[in-house]
Structure formats: structure tokens, C-alpha cells
N, C-alpha and C. Protein backbone atom coordinates (compact mmCIF):
# COMPACT_ATOMS: atom_id res chain seq x y z
N MET A 1 3.03 123.59 256.64
CA MET A 1 4.29 123.05 256.11
C MET A 1 4.00 122.31 254.81
N LEU A 2 4.92 122.40 253.88
CA LEU A 2 4.80 121.70 252.60
C LEU A 2 5.96 120.75 252.43
N VAL A 3 5.67 119.51 252.03
CA VAL A 3 6.69 118.53 251.70
C VAL A 3 6.47 118.10 250.27
N LEU A 4 7.47 118.31 249.41
CA LEU A 4 7.39 117.87 248.02
C LEU A 4 8.27 116.66 247.84
N ALA A 5 7.72 115.59 247.28
CA ALA A 5 8.50 114.37 247.02
C ALA A 5 8.66 114.22 245.53
N LEU A 6 9.89 114.39 245.02
CA LEU A 6 10.17 114.29 243.59
C LEU A 6 10.50 112.85 243.25
N GLY A 7 9.59 112.18 242.54
CA GLY A 7 9.76 110.77 242.28
C GLY A 7 9.75 110.05 243.62
N ALA A 8 10.89 109.55 244.05
CA ALA A 8 10.99 108.96 245.39
C ALA A 8 11.99 109.73 246.23
N LEU A 9 12.35 110.93 245.78
CA LEU A 9 13.28 111.78 246.51
C LEU A 9 12.48 112.82 247.26
N VAL A 10 12.61 112.90 248.56
CA VAL A 10 11.80 113.80 249.37
C VAL A 10 12.54 115.12 249.56
N ILE A 11 11.87 116.22 249.21
CA ILE A 11 12.41 117.56 249.41
C ILE A 11 11.52 118.26 250.42
N LEU A 12 12.12 118.77 251.46
CA LEU A 12 11.34 119.36 252.55
C LEU A 12 11.42 120.88 252.49
N GLY A 13 10.28 121.53 252.71
CA GLY A 13 10.27 122.98 252.77
C GLY A 13 9.10 123.44 253.60
N ALA A 14 9.26 124.52 254.31
CA ALA A 14 8.19 125.02 255.16
C ALA A 14 7.65 126.32 254.59
N ILE A 15 6.33 126.40 254.44
CA ILE A 15 5.68 127.61 253.95
C ILE A 15 4.54 127.94 254.89
N PHE A 16 4.52 129.14 255.44
CA PHE A 16 3.47 129.53 256.35
C PHE A 16 2.90 130.87 255.91
N ALA A 17 1.57 130.98 255.93
CA ALA A 17 0.95 132.25 255.60
C ALA A 17 1.20 133.27 256.71
N GLN A 18 1.38 132.79 257.94
CA GLN A 18 1.69 133.67 259.05
C GLN A 18 2.66 132.93 259.97
N PRO A 19 3.32 133.66 260.87
CA PRO A 19 4.30 132.99 261.74
C PRO A 19 3.68 131.81 262.47
N ALA A 20 4.46 130.74 262.58
CA ALA A 20 4.00 129.54 263.26
C ALA A 20 5.01 129.18 264.32
N PRO A 21 4.59 128.45 265.36
CA PRO A 21 5.53 128.08 266.42
C PRO A 21 6.60 127.15 265.89
N LEU A 22 7.75 127.12 266.56
CA LEU A 22 8.81 126.22 266.18
C LEU A 22 8.35 124.79 266.32
N GLU A 23 8.86 123.91 265.46
CA GLU A 23 8.45 122.53 265.50
C GLU A 23 9.67 121.64 265.34
N GLU A 24 9.51 120.38 265.67
CA GLU A 24 10.60 119.44 265.53
C GLU A 24 10.88 119.18 264.06
N ALA A 25 12.07 118.66 263.77
CA ALA A 25 12.45 118.39 262.38
C ALA A 25 11.59 117.27 261.80
N VAL A 26 11.32 117.37 260.51
CA VAL A 26 10.66 116.30 259.79
C VAL A 26 11.72 115.30 259.36
N VAL A 27 11.49 114.02 259.61
CA VAL A 27 12.46 112.98 259.26
C VAL A 27 11.98 112.25 258.03
N ALA A 28 12.79 112.22 256.99
CA ALA A 28 12.44 111.50 255.76
C ALA A 28 13.45 110.40 255.55
N ALA A 29 12.99 109.16 255.52
CA ALA A 29 13.88 108.02 255.26
C ALA A 29 13.99 107.84 253.77
N PRO A 30 15.17 108.11 253.15
CA PRO A 30 15.29 108.04 251.69
C PRO A 30 15.19 106.62 251.19
N PRO A 31 14.73 106.45 249.93
CA PRO A 31 14.62 105.11 249.37
C PRO A 31 15.97 104.55 249.01
N SER A 32 16.03 103.26 248.81
CA SER A 32 17.26 102.58 248.37
C SER A 32 16.83 101.40 247.52
N PRO A 33 17.77 100.78 246.78
CA PRO A 33 17.39 99.60 245.98
C PRO A 33 16.73 98.53 246.82
N GLU A 34 17.15 98.41 248.08
CA GLU A 34 16.54 97.39 248.93
C GLU A 34 15.20 97.85 249.49
N ARG A 35 14.99 99.19 249.57
CA ARG A 35 13.75 99.70 250.12
C ARG A 35 13.29 100.88 249.28
N PRO A 36 12.54 100.61 248.18
CA PRO A 36 12.19 101.67 247.24
C PRO A 36 11.04 102.54 247.71
N THR A 37 10.88 102.73 249.01
CA THR A 37 9.80 103.53 249.55
C THR A 37 10.35 104.56 250.50
N SER A 38 9.88 105.81 250.38
CA SER A 38 10.26 106.86 251.30
C SER A 38 9.21 106.95 252.40
N THR A 39 9.66 107.15 253.62
CA THR A 39 8.74 107.32 254.73
C THR A 39 8.94 108.70 255.33
N VAL A 40 7.86 109.45 255.43
CA VAL A 40 7.90 110.78 256.04
C VAL A 40 7.22 110.67 257.39
N ILE A 41 7.97 110.87 258.46
CA ILE A 41 7.43 110.81 259.81
C ILE A 41 7.20 112.24 260.26
N VAL A 42 5.94 112.60 260.44
CA VAL A 42 5.60 113.99 260.69
C VAL A 42 5.34 114.20 262.18
N PRO A 43 6.05 115.12 262.83
CA PRO A 43 5.85 115.39 264.24
C PRO A 43 4.55 116.18 264.45
N PRO A 44 4.19 116.51 265.70
CA PRO A 44 3.03 117.35 265.93
C PRO A 44 3.06 118.55 265.00
N ALA A 45 2.01 118.72 264.22
CA ALA A 45 2.08 119.57 263.05
C ALA A 45 1.46 120.94 263.27
N PRO A 46 1.78 121.91 262.39
CA PRO A 46 1.09 123.19 262.41
C PRO A 46 -0.34 123.00 261.92
N LEU A 47 -1.10 124.08 261.85
CA LEU A 47 -2.51 123.97 261.51
C LEU A 47 -2.72 123.43 260.11
N GLU A 48 -1.81 123.73 259.19
CA GLU A 48 -1.96 123.28 257.82
C GLU A 48 -0.67 122.61 257.35
N GLU A 49 -0.83 121.49 256.63
CA GLU A 49 0.34 120.73 256.19
C GLU A 49 -0.06 119.92 254.96
N THR A 50 0.84 119.88 253.96
CA THR A 50 0.57 119.14 252.73
C THR A 50 1.82 118.38 252.30
N VAL A 51 1.64 117.11 251.95
CA VAL A 51 2.70 116.29 251.36
C VAL A 51 2.24 115.92 249.96
N VAL A 52 3.05 116.24 248.93
CA VAL A 52 2.68 115.98 247.54
C VAL A 52 3.79 115.17 246.87
N VAL A 53 3.42 114.17 246.08
CA VAL A 53 4.38 113.38 245.31
C VAL A 53 4.43 113.91 243.88
N LEU A 54 5.63 114.30 243.44
CA LEU A 54 5.82 114.76 242.07
C LEU A 54 6.54 113.69 241.27
N PRO A 55 6.14 113.45 240.02
CA PRO A 55 6.85 112.46 239.20
C PRO A 55 8.23 112.97 238.85
N SER A 56 9.16 112.03 238.62
CA SER A 56 10.50 112.41 238.18
C SER A 56 10.46 112.76 236.70
N LEU A 57 11.59 113.21 236.17
CA LEU A 57 11.63 113.64 234.77
C LEU A 57 11.25 112.53 233.80
N ASP A 58 11.59 111.28 234.15
CA ASP A 58 11.27 110.17 233.26
C ASP A 58 9.87 109.61 233.51
N GLY A 59 9.10 110.28 234.36
CA GLY A 59 7.73 109.85 234.63
C GLY A 59 7.59 108.88 235.78
N HIS A 60 8.72 108.44 236.35
CA HIS A 60 8.66 107.47 237.46
C HIS A 60 8.10 108.12 238.71
N THR A 61 7.28 107.39 239.44
CA THR A 61 6.75 107.85 240.72
C THR A 61 7.03 106.79 241.77
N GLY A 62 7.74 107.16 242.81
CA GLY A 62 8.00 106.24 243.90
C GLY A 62 6.84 106.23 244.88
N THR A 63 7.08 105.71 246.06
CA THR A 63 6.06 105.63 247.09
C THR A 63 6.52 106.41 248.31
N VAL A 64 5.63 107.24 248.84
CA VAL A 64 5.90 108.00 250.06
C VAL A 64 4.83 107.63 251.08
N ILE A 65 5.24 107.29 252.28
CA ILE A 65 4.31 106.96 253.36
C ILE A 65 4.34 108.11 254.36
N VAL A 66 3.18 108.67 254.62
CA VAL A 66 3.05 109.76 255.59
C VAL A 66 2.42 109.20 256.86
N GLN A 67 3.14 109.32 257.97
CA GLN A 67 2.68 108.77 259.24
C GLN A 67 2.42 109.93 260.20
N ARG A 68 1.17 110.06 260.63
CA ARG A 68 0.81 111.06 261.65
C ARG A 68 0.15 110.32 262.79
N GLY A 69 0.89 110.12 263.85
CA GLY A 69 0.35 109.35 264.95
C GLY A 69 -0.04 107.97 264.48
N GLY A 70 -1.30 107.59 264.69
CA GLY A 70 -1.77 106.27 264.26
C GLY A 70 -2.32 106.25 262.86
N GLU A 71 -2.28 107.40 262.16
CA GLU A 71 -2.84 107.48 260.80
C GLU A 71 -1.72 107.36 259.77
N ARG A 72 -1.97 106.57 258.73
CA ARG A 72 -0.93 106.27 257.73
C ARG A 72 -1.50 106.47 256.33
N HIS A 73 -0.86 107.33 255.54
CA HIS A 73 -1.26 107.57 254.16
C HIS A 73 -0.16 107.07 253.23
N VAL A 74 -0.52 106.24 252.24
CA VAL A 74 0.43 105.74 251.24
C VAL A 74 0.19 106.48 249.94
N LEU A 75 1.19 107.24 249.50
CA LEU A 75 1.10 108.05 248.28
C LEU A 75 1.99 107.42 247.22
N ASN A 76 1.40 106.88 246.16
CA ASN A 76 2.19 106.19 245.14
C ASN A 76 1.74 106.50 243.72
N ARG A 77 1.06 107.64 243.56
CA ARG A 77 0.66 108.09 242.23
C ARG A 77 1.11 109.53 242.02
N PRO A 78 1.33 109.93 240.76
CA PRO A 78 1.73 111.31 240.51
C PRO A 78 0.73 112.30 241.10
N PHE A 79 1.24 113.26 241.86
CA PHE A 79 0.46 114.36 242.44
C PHE A 79 -0.54 113.89 243.51
N ALA A 80 -0.36 112.68 244.03
CA ALA A 80 -1.13 112.26 245.19
C ALA A 80 -0.68 113.11 246.37
N ALA A 81 -1.61 113.42 247.28
CA ALA A 81 -1.28 114.33 248.37
C ALA A 81 -1.93 113.87 249.67
N SER A 82 -1.29 114.23 250.75
CA SER A 82 -1.83 114.03 252.10
C SER A 82 -1.92 115.40 252.74
N ARG A 83 -3.13 115.77 253.17
CA ARG A 83 -3.35 117.10 253.72
C ARG A 83 -3.77 117.03 255.18
N LEU A 84 -3.32 118.02 255.93
CA LEU A 84 -3.79 118.21 257.30
C LEU A 84 -4.26 119.65 257.42
N ALA A 85 -5.49 119.84 257.80
CA ALA A 85 -6.05 121.18 257.96
C ALA A 85 -7.08 121.15 259.08
N GLY A 86 -6.94 122.08 260.01
CA GLY A 86 -7.88 122.15 261.10
C GLY A 86 -7.94 120.89 261.94
N GLY A 87 -6.81 120.19 262.02
CA GLY A 87 -6.77 118.96 262.80
C GLY A 87 -7.30 117.74 262.08
N GLN A 88 -7.80 117.90 260.84
CA GLN A 88 -8.34 116.80 260.06
C GLN A 88 -7.37 116.43 258.93
N SER A 89 -7.11 115.14 258.78
CA SER A 89 -6.17 114.66 257.77
C SER A 89 -6.92 113.91 256.68
N GLU A 90 -6.49 114.08 255.42
CA GLU A 90 -7.13 113.38 254.32
C GLU A 90 -6.14 113.16 253.19
N MET A 91 -6.40 112.11 252.38
CA MET A 91 -5.65 111.86 251.15
C MET A 91 -6.46 112.39 249.99
N VAL A 92 -5.79 113.12 249.08
CA VAL A 92 -6.46 113.66 247.91
C VAL A 92 -5.60 113.44 246.68
N GLN A 93 -6.23 113.44 245.50
CA GLN A 93 -5.51 113.32 244.25
C GLN A 93 -5.55 114.68 243.55
N LEU A 94 -4.41 115.34 243.46
CA LEU A 94 -4.33 116.63 242.79
C LEU A 94 -3.97 116.45 241.32
N SER A 95 -4.17 117.49 240.55
CA SER A 95 -3.74 117.48 239.15
C SER A 95 -2.45 118.27 239.03
N ALA A 96 -1.77 118.10 237.90
CA ALA A 96 -0.53 118.84 237.67
C ALA A 96 -0.79 120.34 237.70
N VAL A 97 -1.91 120.75 237.15
CA VAL A 97 -2.26 122.18 237.13
C VAL A 97 -2.47 122.70 238.54
N GLU A 98 -3.19 121.94 239.37
CA GLU A 98 -3.42 122.36 240.75
C GLU A 98 -2.12 122.51 241.52
N VAL A 99 -1.20 121.56 241.32
CA VAL A 99 0.08 121.63 242.01
C VAL A 99 0.86 122.86 241.58
N ARG A 100 0.90 123.11 240.27
CA ARG A 100 1.64 124.29 239.78
C ARG A 100 1.04 125.58 240.32
N GLN A 101 -0.28 125.65 240.37
CA GLN A 101 -0.94 126.87 240.84
C GLN A 101 -0.77 127.06 242.35
N SER A 102 -0.91 125.97 243.10
CA SER A 102 -0.88 126.07 244.56
C SER A 102 0.52 126.28 245.11
N PHE A 103 1.54 125.67 244.44
CA PHE A 103 2.89 125.68 245.00
C PHE A 103 3.89 126.32 244.05
N ALA A 104 3.43 127.30 243.27
CA ALA A 104 4.29 127.91 242.26
C ALA A 104 5.56 128.49 242.86
N VAL A 105 5.45 129.18 243.99
CA VAL A 105 6.62 129.81 244.59
C VAL A 105 7.65 128.76 245.01
N THR A 106 7.18 127.69 245.63
CA THR A 106 8.08 126.63 246.07
C THR A 106 8.74 125.93 244.89
N LEU A 107 7.96 125.62 243.85
CA LEU A 107 8.50 124.94 242.69
C LEU A 107 9.55 125.79 241.98
N GLU A 108 9.32 127.09 241.94
CA GLU A 108 10.30 127.98 241.32
C GLU A 108 11.60 128.01 242.10
N ALA A 109 11.50 127.82 243.42
CA ALA A 109 12.69 127.90 244.28
C ALA A 109 13.51 126.62 244.27
N LEU A 110 12.93 125.51 243.78
CA LEU A 110 13.65 124.24 243.77
C LEU A 110 14.80 124.29 242.77
N PRO A 111 15.93 123.68 243.09
CA PRO A 111 17.02 123.61 242.11
C PRO A 111 16.62 122.73 240.93
N ALA A 112 17.23 122.98 239.78
CA ALA A 112 16.95 122.16 238.61
C ALA A 112 17.30 120.70 238.91
N ARG A 113 16.50 119.79 238.42
CA ARG A 113 16.73 118.39 238.71
C ARG A 113 17.93 117.86 237.93
N PRO A 114 18.72 116.99 238.55
CA PRO A 114 19.85 116.39 237.83
C PRO A 114 19.36 115.63 236.60
N THR A 115 20.14 115.69 235.56
CA THR A 115 19.78 114.95 234.35
C THR A 115 21.03 114.54 233.60
N THR A 116 20.89 113.55 232.70
CA THR A 116 22.03 113.05 231.92
C THR A 116 21.65 113.01 230.44
N PHE A 117 22.56 113.46 229.60
CA PHE A 117 22.36 113.45 228.15
C PHE A 117 23.39 112.51 227.52
N LEU A 118 22.98 111.86 226.43
CA LEU A 118 23.88 110.99 225.68
C LEU A 118 24.04 111.53 224.26
N LEU A 119 25.29 111.55 223.79
CA LEU A 119 25.59 111.93 222.41
C LEU A 119 26.51 110.87 221.82
N TYR A 120 26.40 110.67 220.50
CA TYR A 120 27.12 109.56 219.86
C TYR A 120 28.06 110.08 218.77
N PHE A 121 29.10 109.27 218.48
CA PHE A 121 30.20 109.70 217.61
C PHE A 121 30.38 108.81 216.39
N VAL A 122 30.96 109.42 215.38
CA VAL A 122 31.41 108.68 214.20
C VAL A 122 32.58 107.79 214.63
N ARG A 123 32.64 106.61 214.07
CA ARG A 123 33.67 105.63 214.46
C ARG A 123 35.08 106.19 214.37
N GLY A 124 35.84 106.03 215.45
CA GLY A 124 37.25 106.38 215.47
C GLY A 124 37.55 107.87 215.52
N THR A 125 36.54 108.72 215.77
CA THR A 125 36.75 110.17 215.77
C THR A 125 36.08 110.81 216.98
N ASP A 126 36.32 112.12 217.15
CA ASP A 126 35.59 112.88 218.15
C ASP A 126 34.53 113.76 217.48
N GLU A 127 34.08 113.32 216.30
CA GLU A 127 33.04 114.01 215.53
C GLU A 127 31.68 113.38 215.83
N LEU A 128 30.72 114.22 216.20
CA LEU A 128 29.38 113.71 216.50
C LEU A 128 28.69 113.21 215.25
N THR A 129 27.80 112.24 215.42
CA THR A 129 26.95 111.81 214.30
C THR A 129 26.00 112.95 213.95
N ASP A 130 25.40 112.89 212.79
CA ASP A 130 24.47 113.95 212.36
C ASP A 130 23.31 114.09 213.34
N GLU A 131 22.78 112.96 213.80
CA GLU A 131 21.66 113.01 214.74
C GLU A 131 22.09 113.67 216.05
N SER A 132 23.27 113.35 216.52
CA SER A 132 23.72 113.92 217.79
C SER A 132 24.07 115.41 217.66
N LYS A 133 24.46 115.84 216.47
CA LYS A 133 24.70 117.27 216.26
C LYS A 133 23.41 118.06 216.48
N GLN A 134 22.32 117.52 216.00
CA GLN A 134 21.02 118.18 216.21
C GLN A 134 20.62 118.12 217.68
N GLU A 135 20.90 117.00 218.33
CA GLU A 135 20.56 116.86 219.74
C GLU A 135 21.40 117.81 220.59
N LEU A 136 22.66 118.00 220.19
CA LEU A 136 23.54 118.91 220.93
C LEU A 136 22.95 120.32 220.98
N LYS A 137 22.35 120.77 219.90
CA LYS A 137 21.75 122.11 219.88
C LYS A 137 20.67 122.23 220.95
N LYS A 138 19.86 121.19 221.09
CA LYS A 138 18.80 121.21 222.09
C LYS A 138 19.38 121.20 223.51
N ILE A 139 20.44 120.41 223.70
CA ILE A 139 21.07 120.32 225.02
C ILE A 139 21.66 121.67 225.42
N LEU A 140 22.37 122.31 224.50
CA LEU A 140 22.99 123.60 224.80
C LEU A 140 21.93 124.65 225.11
N ALA A 141 20.81 124.61 224.38
CA ALA A 141 19.73 125.56 224.65
C ALA A 141 19.16 125.35 226.04
N GLU A 142 19.02 124.10 226.45
CA GLU A 142 18.49 123.82 227.79
C GLU A 142 19.47 124.25 228.87
N LEU A 143 20.76 123.98 228.65
CA LEU A 143 21.75 124.31 229.67
C LEU A 143 21.90 125.81 229.86
N LYS A 144 21.60 126.58 228.84
CA LYS A 144 21.65 128.04 228.96
C LYS A 144 20.65 128.55 230.00
N GLN A 145 19.59 127.76 230.23
CA GLN A 145 18.56 128.17 231.18
C GLN A 145 18.91 127.84 232.62
N ARG A 146 19.96 127.07 232.82
CA ARG A 146 20.33 126.65 234.18
C ARG A 146 21.37 127.62 234.75
N PRO A 147 21.16 128.06 235.99
CA PRO A 147 22.13 128.97 236.61
C PRO A 147 23.39 128.24 237.06
N VAL A 148 24.47 128.45 236.35
CA VAL A 148 25.79 127.89 236.66
C VAL A 148 25.71 126.42 237.06
N PRO A 149 25.39 125.54 236.12
CA PRO A 149 25.29 124.12 236.45
C PRO A 149 26.64 123.49 236.71
N ASN A 150 26.66 122.41 237.48
CA ASN A 150 27.86 121.57 237.61
C ASN A 150 27.72 120.41 236.64
N ILE A 151 28.75 120.18 235.84
CA ILE A 151 28.64 119.22 234.74
C ILE A 151 29.81 118.24 234.78
N MET A 152 29.48 116.97 234.55
CA MET A 152 30.49 115.93 234.38
C MET A 152 30.33 115.34 232.99
N VAL A 153 31.39 115.36 232.19
CA VAL A 153 31.36 114.82 230.84
C VAL A 153 32.29 113.62 230.78
N VAL A 154 31.73 112.46 230.45
CA VAL A 154 32.52 111.23 230.41
C VAL A 154 32.47 110.65 228.99
N GLY A 155 33.65 110.45 228.40
CA GLY A 155 33.73 109.90 227.06
C GLY A 155 33.93 108.40 227.07
N HIS A 156 33.40 107.73 226.04
CA HIS A 156 33.49 106.27 225.92
C HIS A 156 33.78 105.89 224.47
N THR A 157 34.22 104.65 224.26
CA THR A 157 34.45 104.13 222.91
C THR A 157 33.84 102.74 222.79
N ASP A 158 33.85 102.23 221.55
CA ASP A 158 33.53 100.81 221.36
C ASP A 158 34.83 100.01 221.57
N THR A 159 34.82 98.75 221.21
CA THR A 159 35.99 97.90 221.48
C THR A 159 36.91 97.74 220.27
N VAL A 160 36.68 98.52 219.23
CA VAL A 160 37.56 98.47 218.07
C VAL A 160 38.85 99.24 218.38
N GLY A 161 39.99 98.61 218.15
CA GLY A 161 41.26 99.27 218.39
C GLY A 161 41.89 98.88 219.71
N LYS A 162 43.07 99.46 219.96
CA LYS A 162 43.82 99.13 221.17
C LYS A 162 43.28 99.87 222.37
N LEU A 163 43.45 99.28 223.54
CA LEU A 163 42.93 99.86 224.79
C LEU A 163 43.48 101.26 225.02
N GLU A 164 44.80 101.43 224.83
CA GLU A 164 45.42 102.74 225.08
C GLU A 164 44.88 103.80 224.12
N ALA A 165 44.69 103.43 222.87
CA ALA A 165 44.16 104.38 221.90
C ALA A 165 42.73 104.77 222.23
N ASN A 166 41.95 103.82 222.70
CA ASN A 166 40.57 104.12 223.06
C ASN A 166 40.49 104.99 224.31
N ASP A 167 41.42 104.81 225.24
CA ASP A 167 41.46 105.70 226.40
C ASP A 167 41.67 107.14 225.95
N LEU A 168 42.61 107.34 225.04
CA LEU A 168 42.91 108.67 224.54
C LEU A 168 41.71 109.24 223.77
N LEU A 169 41.10 108.43 222.91
CA LEU A 169 39.97 108.90 222.11
C LEU A 169 38.79 109.29 223.00
N SER A 170 38.52 108.51 224.02
CA SER A 170 37.38 108.83 224.89
C SER A 170 37.61 110.15 225.63
N ALA A 171 38.86 110.41 226.04
CA ALA A 171 39.17 111.68 226.69
C ALA A 171 39.03 112.84 225.71
N GLN A 172 39.43 112.62 224.46
CA GLN A 172 39.29 113.65 223.43
C GLN A 172 37.81 113.98 223.20
N ARG A 173 36.98 112.96 223.20
CA ARG A 173 35.54 113.18 223.00
C ARG A 173 34.97 114.03 224.13
N ALA A 174 35.38 113.73 225.36
CA ALA A 174 34.89 114.50 226.50
C ALA A 174 35.36 115.95 226.41
N GLU A 175 36.62 116.15 226.06
CA GLU A 175 37.15 117.51 225.96
C GLU A 175 36.48 118.30 224.82
N ARG A 176 36.15 117.61 223.73
CA ARG A 176 35.47 118.28 222.61
C ARG A 176 34.11 118.81 223.08
N MET A 177 33.39 118.01 223.85
CA MET A 177 32.09 118.45 224.36
C MET A 177 32.25 119.58 225.36
N LYS A 178 33.31 119.53 226.17
CA LYS A 178 33.56 120.62 227.11
C LYS A 178 33.73 121.93 226.36
N GLY A 179 34.39 121.87 225.21
CA GLY A 179 34.57 123.07 224.40
C GLY A 179 33.25 123.68 223.99
N PHE A 180 32.28 122.85 223.59
CA PHE A 180 30.96 123.37 223.22
C PHE A 180 30.28 124.02 224.41
N LEU A 181 30.46 123.44 225.58
CA LEU A 181 29.81 123.96 226.78
C LEU A 181 30.39 125.30 227.21
N THR A 182 31.71 125.44 227.12
CA THR A 182 32.31 126.72 227.49
C THR A 182 31.96 127.82 226.48
N GLU A 183 31.70 127.44 225.24
CA GLU A 183 31.33 128.42 224.21
C GLU A 183 30.00 129.11 224.53
N ILE A 184 29.13 128.44 225.28
CA ILE A 184 27.83 129.07 225.62
C ILE A 184 27.90 129.76 226.98
N GLY A 185 29.10 129.87 227.54
CA GLY A 185 29.26 130.66 228.74
C GLY A 185 29.36 129.90 230.04
N ILE A 186 29.35 128.56 230.00
CA ILE A 186 29.51 127.79 231.24
C ILE A 186 30.99 127.82 231.63
N PRO A 187 31.31 128.25 232.85
CA PRO A 187 32.73 128.33 233.25
C PRO A 187 33.40 126.96 233.18
N ALA A 188 34.62 126.95 232.69
CA ALA A 188 35.36 125.70 232.58
C ALA A 188 35.54 125.05 233.95
N SER A 189 35.59 125.86 235.00
CA SER A 189 35.76 125.33 236.35
C SER A 189 34.55 124.53 236.82
N GLN A 190 33.41 124.70 236.14
CA GLN A 190 32.20 123.97 236.51
C GLN A 190 32.06 122.66 235.74
N ILE A 191 33.03 122.37 234.86
CA ILE A 191 32.94 121.19 234.00
C ILE A 191 34.10 120.25 234.28
N GLN A 192 33.78 119.03 234.65
CA GLN A 192 34.80 118.00 234.81
C GLN A 192 34.71 117.03 233.63
N THR A 193 35.85 116.51 233.20
CA THR A 193 35.84 115.54 232.10
C THR A 193 36.63 114.30 232.49
N ALA A 194 36.28 113.20 231.84
CA ALA A 194 36.99 111.94 232.05
C ALA A 194 36.81 111.07 230.82
N GLY A 195 37.78 110.20 230.58
CA GLY A 195 37.69 109.23 229.49
C GLY A 195 37.74 107.82 230.06
N ARG A 196 36.75 107.01 229.72
CA ARG A 196 36.69 105.65 230.24
C ARG A 196 37.09 104.61 229.19
N GLY A 197 37.41 105.07 227.99
CA GLY A 197 37.79 104.13 226.95
C GLY A 197 36.68 103.13 226.69
N GLU A 198 37.05 101.84 226.62
CA GLU A 198 36.08 100.79 226.37
C GLU A 198 35.71 100.03 227.64
N ARG A 199 36.00 100.62 228.80
CA ARG A 199 35.81 99.91 230.07
C ARG A 199 34.36 99.87 230.55
N GLU A 200 33.54 100.81 230.11
CA GLU A 200 32.16 100.88 230.58
C GLU A 200 31.22 100.88 229.37
N LEU A 201 31.09 99.74 228.76
CA LEU A 201 30.28 99.62 227.54
C LEU A 201 28.80 99.75 227.87
N LEU A 202 28.10 100.54 227.07
CA LEU A 202 26.65 100.61 227.22
C LEU A 202 26.01 99.33 226.73
N VAL A 203 26.58 98.78 225.65
CA VAL A 203 26.13 97.50 225.10
C VAL A 203 27.32 96.53 225.17
N PRO A 204 27.29 95.55 226.05
CA PRO A 204 28.43 94.63 226.17
C PRO A 204 28.71 93.90 224.85
N THR A 205 29.97 93.90 224.45
CA THR A 205 30.37 93.20 223.22
C THR A 205 31.72 92.53 223.44
N ALA A 206 32.08 91.69 222.49
CA ALA A 206 33.43 91.12 222.48
C ALA A 206 34.40 92.17 221.96
N ASP A 207 35.69 91.82 221.91
CA ASP A 207 36.71 92.75 221.43
C ASP A 207 36.56 92.98 219.93
N ASN A 208 36.94 94.20 219.49
CA ASN A 208 36.93 94.58 218.07
C ASN A 208 35.53 94.53 217.44
N ILE A 209 34.52 94.93 218.22
CA ILE A 209 33.15 95.00 217.71
C ILE A 209 32.75 96.46 217.52
N ASP A 210 32.31 96.78 216.32
CA ASP A 210 31.87 98.14 215.98
C ASP A 210 30.43 98.31 216.48
N GLU A 211 30.26 98.91 217.66
CA GLU A 211 28.92 99.12 218.23
C GLU A 211 28.69 100.62 218.40
N PRO A 212 27.85 101.23 217.56
CA PRO A 212 27.65 102.69 217.59
C PRO A 212 27.20 103.22 218.95
N ARG A 213 26.41 102.45 219.70
CA ARG A 213 25.89 102.96 220.98
C ARG A 213 26.96 103.06 222.05
N ASN A 214 28.10 102.40 221.83
CA ASN A 214 29.19 102.51 222.80
C ASN A 214 30.09 103.72 222.52
N ARG A 215 30.00 104.29 221.33
CA ARG A 215 30.80 105.47 220.98
C ARG A 215 30.03 106.71 221.41
N ARG A 216 30.22 107.11 222.66
CA ARG A 216 29.32 108.12 223.22
C ARG A 216 30.02 108.99 224.25
N VAL A 217 29.34 110.08 224.60
CA VAL A 217 29.67 110.83 225.82
C VAL A 217 28.39 110.89 226.66
N GLU A 218 28.60 110.87 227.96
CA GLU A 218 27.51 111.08 228.91
C GLU A 218 27.74 112.43 229.58
N ILE A 219 26.76 113.31 229.44
CA ILE A 219 26.85 114.64 230.06
C ILE A 219 25.88 114.67 231.22
N SER A 220 26.42 114.64 232.43
CA SER A 220 25.59 114.63 233.64
C SER A 220 25.56 116.05 234.22
N VAL A 221 24.36 116.55 234.43
CA VAL A 221 24.18 117.94 234.86
C VAL A 221 23.42 117.98 236.18
N ARG A 222 23.92 118.78 237.10
CA ARG A 222 23.19 119.00 238.35
C ARG A 222 23.37 120.44 238.81
């Protein structure tokens, strides 16, 4: 059996070279802000079993605890692994290359990891800044590689102007980005949009403050 832990998110999958007897479910206690550690409780195991911790996209690595009877392995480094083979259990440190080579089939089968992109706008418009126009090209190229992603686009503004006008502008910004996404073939039904106006500032400011980082859209992809 193979257990892959992405950051602190545990993904379970079973891989056997030959048929194996049925076994009880593996229980993974997910992390939370109050408990940033995942615990994998492994029942009586097949002859071979591996638990590997993979770093998240931003490089963060959580902690996974593997409990087999009275034996406890704490995995808190990228590509740290707990192995069981021939009744013997051990902790090992794998490399990224070893993980890719050993678990290529499983890694290919995993869904693309959720991610969020930020793009910024010229003041008072739904026109992207020059820097964000270049970033948009990279984002669209990446999204083309994802099989029918689900996307949420949320528009925001700074605090310059009236609340009602900013609500409208933020929605326009989200819809403008949706247009770019549908142009590359993503079905409109897979894209949700919303405008938050100035209600969710990235950088808290007083009223009528021109803050470029608040004039943005957040594109969340899963």
C-alpha cells in the first residue's frame, strides 16, 4: 500500500504488484489550525507499505505521524518516508528523483493541486496592469494543461470611490477574466465569478486610499 501526504494533506492509494488480501480502511486524521499534524493509523498491513510526505506547491511540509502498533514514525521533512517490508519497519529519507521514479504511476493519477493566481488592475478600470498582462499569459498556458478545471474568479477594488460603484467594478473585473478563460476553451459552466468590491482588502486601508494591491482578481483553480 502507498500513502502520499501532500504538504499536510493525506492522499491514500493502494498499489499492489500482485493481489493482496482485503484489509481494513486506513484512517487519516486531517490537520487543522489547532492541530497542524496529520496522523495516519495503519491497520495490520500487507507485506509492503510506504508512506511518503510530499511538499506543497509553496514548499510547505506538514507533519505526518505513522503509527503501526507500538511503533511511531514522525515524518516532517520533504520526501521523508516510512516503509514496511517483510515485517520490518523503517524511516528513510528519499529524494525527489527517487519519489518520481518509484511512484510515477500514482503521481500521474493524482488530480492537479488546487492553486490561486492574483492579477492586478489599472485604477478605476477592468484593464490589467502591464505586469499582470504578462502574468495572464503564463496562467492561461498552465490552465490549458488541466483537464476541465473548476474555477472561481473573484474581483476586488481599492477604497477609492463609492461602495456601489466598486461592487460593480469588481464584478466587471471578474467577468473580464472569465472571458479570457473561455477563449482558451474552458467551458463557461466551469467558471464561477463574484465581485466583492472593497469588502475584502488584501491590504487594509482607510476610505479613499489608492492601493494597487487591492485592485485585483483572485483566480482559484481546482
